[in-house]
Every structure is written in C-alpha cells, then in structure tokens.
Amino acid sequence: MHVARVYLRVSTQGQDLDRQESIIVEARDAGYYIAGVYREKASGARADRPELLRLIADLQPGEVVVAEKIDRISRWPRCR
C-alpha cells in the first residue's frame, strides 16, 4: 500500500477547507493509506507555515504529498 500525507490550505480566514476535504477520500479510493492530514489557513507566499513545516518533518522516504493544486503548497515564483 502506498502512503500519502494530505495538505489542505486556504489563504484567508473567510475561506473554508471543506471544499478540499474530498481529496482525502479520493486518495483513499486510489489505494493510498493516509498517514496524516495537515490543515492550514495561511498565505502560500509565506514560508513559516507550521502545518507545512510539520508535514515536511513527518514525511518519510517513499511517501507522497497530496494537495488539491500545487499552489496550495507554494505560491513562490517559478525559477526562470
């Protein structure tokens, strides 16, 4: 069985994480064991996000990170 950690993030206090919760079920249905779910309300441009840092610390070799979109993990500009 493959192991995944799910990262859910919204940018503002007015937004809700509920819309992203379905990816947990989708990952399970795809055969992943969910080792952790990390929920955060913070800007993607900030590097000091406690839940993202906890996810990175918890991540083990061979595990995957699941997020709704890549911009949920980071808003950093692309390298050119």
C-alpha atoms as a PDB file:
ATOM      1  CA  MET A   1       0.000   0.000   0.000  1.00  0.00           C
ATOM      2  CA  HIS A   2       1.210   3.478  -0.846  1.00  0.00           C
ATOM      3  CA  VAL A   3       1.388   6.089   1.926  1.00  0.00           C
ATOM      4  CA  ALA A   4       0.258   9.691   1.487  1.00  0.00           C
ATOM      5  CA  ARG A   5       0.106  12.854   3.557  1.00  0.00           C
ATOM      6  CA  VAL A   6      -2.589  15.359   2.620  1.00  0.00           C
ATOM      7  CA  TYR A   7      -2.020  19.123   2.782  1.00  0.00           C
ATOM      8  CA  LEU A   8      -5.065  21.413   2.769  1.00  0.00           C
ATOM      9  CA  ARG A   9      -4.615  25.194   2.753  1.00  0.00           C
ATOM     10  CA  VAL A  10      -6.745  28.288   2.311  1.00  0.00           C
ATOM     11  CA  SER A  11      -5.355  31.804   2.097  1.00  0.00           C
ATOM     12  CA  THR A  12      -7.827  33.809   4.146  1.00  0.00           C
ATOM     13  CA  GLN A  13      -9.899  33.366   7.276  1.00  0.00           C
ATOM     14  CA  GLY A  14     -13.044  33.843   5.169  1.00  0.00           C
ATOM     15  CA  GLN A  15     -12.293  30.750   3.084  1.00  0.00           C
ATOM     16  CA  ASP A  16     -13.187  27.215   4.123  1.00  0.00           C
ATOM     17  CA  LEU A  17     -11.169  23.991   3.912  1.00  0.00           C
ATOM     18  CA  ASP A  18     -14.312  21.878   3.333  1.00  0.00           C
ATOM     19  CA  ARG A  19     -14.027  22.215  -0.459  1.00  0.00           C
ATOM     20  CA  GLN A  20     -10.635  20.469  -0.368  1.00  0.00           C
ATOM     21  CA  GLU A  21     -11.634  17.651   2.027  1.00  0.00           C
ATOM     22  CA  SER A  22     -12.794  15.433  -0.863  1.00  0.00           C
ATOM     23  CA  ILE A  23      -9.178  14.790  -1.888  1.00  0.00           C
ATOM     24  CA  ILE A  24      -8.768  12.687   1.271  1.00  0.00           C
ATOM     25  CA  VAL A  25     -11.489  10.306   0.057  1.00  0.00           C
ATOM     26  CA  GLU A  26     -10.103  10.384  -3.485  1.00  0.00           C
ATOM     27  CA  ALA A  27      -6.619   9.435  -2.262  1.00  0.00           C
ATOM     28  CA  ARG A  28      -8.029   6.551  -0.189  1.00  0.00           C
ATOM     29  CA  ASP A  29     -10.099   5.373  -3.153  1.00  0.00           C
ATOM     30  CA  ALA A  30      -6.904   5.416  -5.251  1.00  0.00           C
ATOM     31  CA  GLY A  31      -5.313   2.974  -2.782  1.00  0.00           C
ATOM     32  CA  TYR A  32      -3.360   5.323  -0.525  1.00  0.00           C
ATOM     33  CA  TYR A  33      -3.102   4.954   3.229  1.00  0.00           C
ATOM     34  CA  ILE A  34      -3.435   8.468   4.690  1.00  0.00           C
ATOM     35  CA  ALA A  35      -0.683   8.881   7.284  1.00  0.00           C
ATOM     36  CA  GLY A  36      -1.618  12.479   8.096  1.00  0.00           C
ATOM     37  CA  VAL A  37      -3.833  15.392   7.163  1.00  0.00           C
ATOM     38  CA  TYR A  38      -2.421  18.891   7.595  1.00  0.00           C
ATOM     39  CA  ARG A  39      -4.895  21.799   7.577  1.00  0.00           C
ATOM     40  CA  GLU A  40      -3.770  25.404   7.394  1.00  0.00           C
ATOM     41  CA  LYS A  41      -5.164  28.924   6.936  1.00  0.00           C
ATOM     42  CA  ALA A  42      -2.198  30.957   5.693  1.00  0.00           C
ATOM     43  CA  SER A  43      -0.825  32.671   2.603  1.00  0.00           C
ATOM     44  CA  GLY A  44       1.046  30.402   0.207  1.00  0.00           C
ATOM     45  CA  ALA A  45       3.725  33.062  -0.161  1.00  0.00           C
ATOM     46  CA  ARG A  46       4.776  32.619   3.476  1.00  0.00           C
ATOM     47  CA  ALA A  47       7.479  30.078   4.303  1.00  0.00           C
ATOM     48  CA  ASP A  48       6.657  29.995   8.026  1.00  0.00           C
ATOM     49  CA  ARG A  49       3.542  27.809   7.885  1.00  0.00           C
ATOM     50  CA  PRO A  50       3.514  25.476  10.914  1.00  0.00           C
ATOM     51  CA  GLU A  51       1.437  22.711   9.312  1.00  0.00           C
ATOM     52  CA  LEU A  52       3.536  22.642   6.139  1.00  0.00           C
ATOM     53  CA  LEU A  53       6.704  22.511   8.224  1.00  0.00           C
ATOM     54  CA  ARG A  54       5.194  19.681  10.314  1.00  0.00           C
ATOM     55  CA  LEU A  55       4.270  17.788   7.133  1.00  0.00           C
ATOM     56  CA  ILE A  56       7.831  18.136   5.825  1.00  0.00           C
ATOM     57  CA  ALA A  57       9.241  16.926   9.152  1.00  0.00           C
ATOM     58  CA  ASP A  58       6.835  13.947   9.234  1.00  0.00           C
ATOM     59  CA  LEU A  59       7.378  12.927   5.596  1.00  0.00           C
ATOM     60  CA  GLN A  60       9.175   9.603   5.176  1.00  0.00           C
ATOM     61  CA  PRO A  61      11.023   8.247   2.116  1.00  0.00           C
ATOM     62  CA  GLY A  62       8.579   6.804  -0.406  1.00  0.00           C
ATOM     63  CA  GLU A  63       5.569   8.754   0.868  1.00  0.00           C
ATOM     64  CA  VAL A  64       3.713  11.205  -1.342  1.00  0.00           C
ATOM     65  CA  VAL A  65       2.140  14.580  -0.627  1.00  0.00           C
ATOM     66  CA  VAL A  66      -1.393  15.106  -1.913  1.00  0.00           C
ATOM     67  CA  ALA A  67      -2.849  18.598  -2.376  1.00  0.00           C
ATOM     68  CA  GLU A  68      -5.755  19.959  -4.376  1.00  0.00           C
ATOM     69  CA  LYS A  69      -3.378  22.005  -6.568  1.00  0.00           C
ATOM     70  CA  ILE A  70       0.333  22.823  -6.449  1.00  0.00           C
ATOM     71  CA  ASP A  71      -0.462  26.397  -5.395  1.00  0.00           C
ATOM     72  CA  ARG A  72      -1.873  25.016  -2.134  1.00  0.00           C
ATOM     73  CA  ILE A  73       1.704  24.060  -1.223  1.00  0.00           C
ATOM     74  CA  SER A  74       3.518  27.142  -2.521  1.00  0.00           C
ATOM     75  CA  ARG A  75       2.958  30.473  -4.233  1.00  0.00           C
ATOM     76  CA  TRP A  76       6.681  31.096  -4.710  1.00  0.00           C
ATOM     77  CA  PRO A  77       7.532  32.462  -8.158  1.00  0.00           C
ATOM     78  CA  ARG A  78       8.796  29.930 -10.661  1.00  0.00           C
ATOM     79  CA  CYS A  79      12.501  29.888 -11.392  1.00  0.00           C
ATOM     80  CA  ARG A  80      13.381  31.232 -14.820  1.00  0.00           C
END
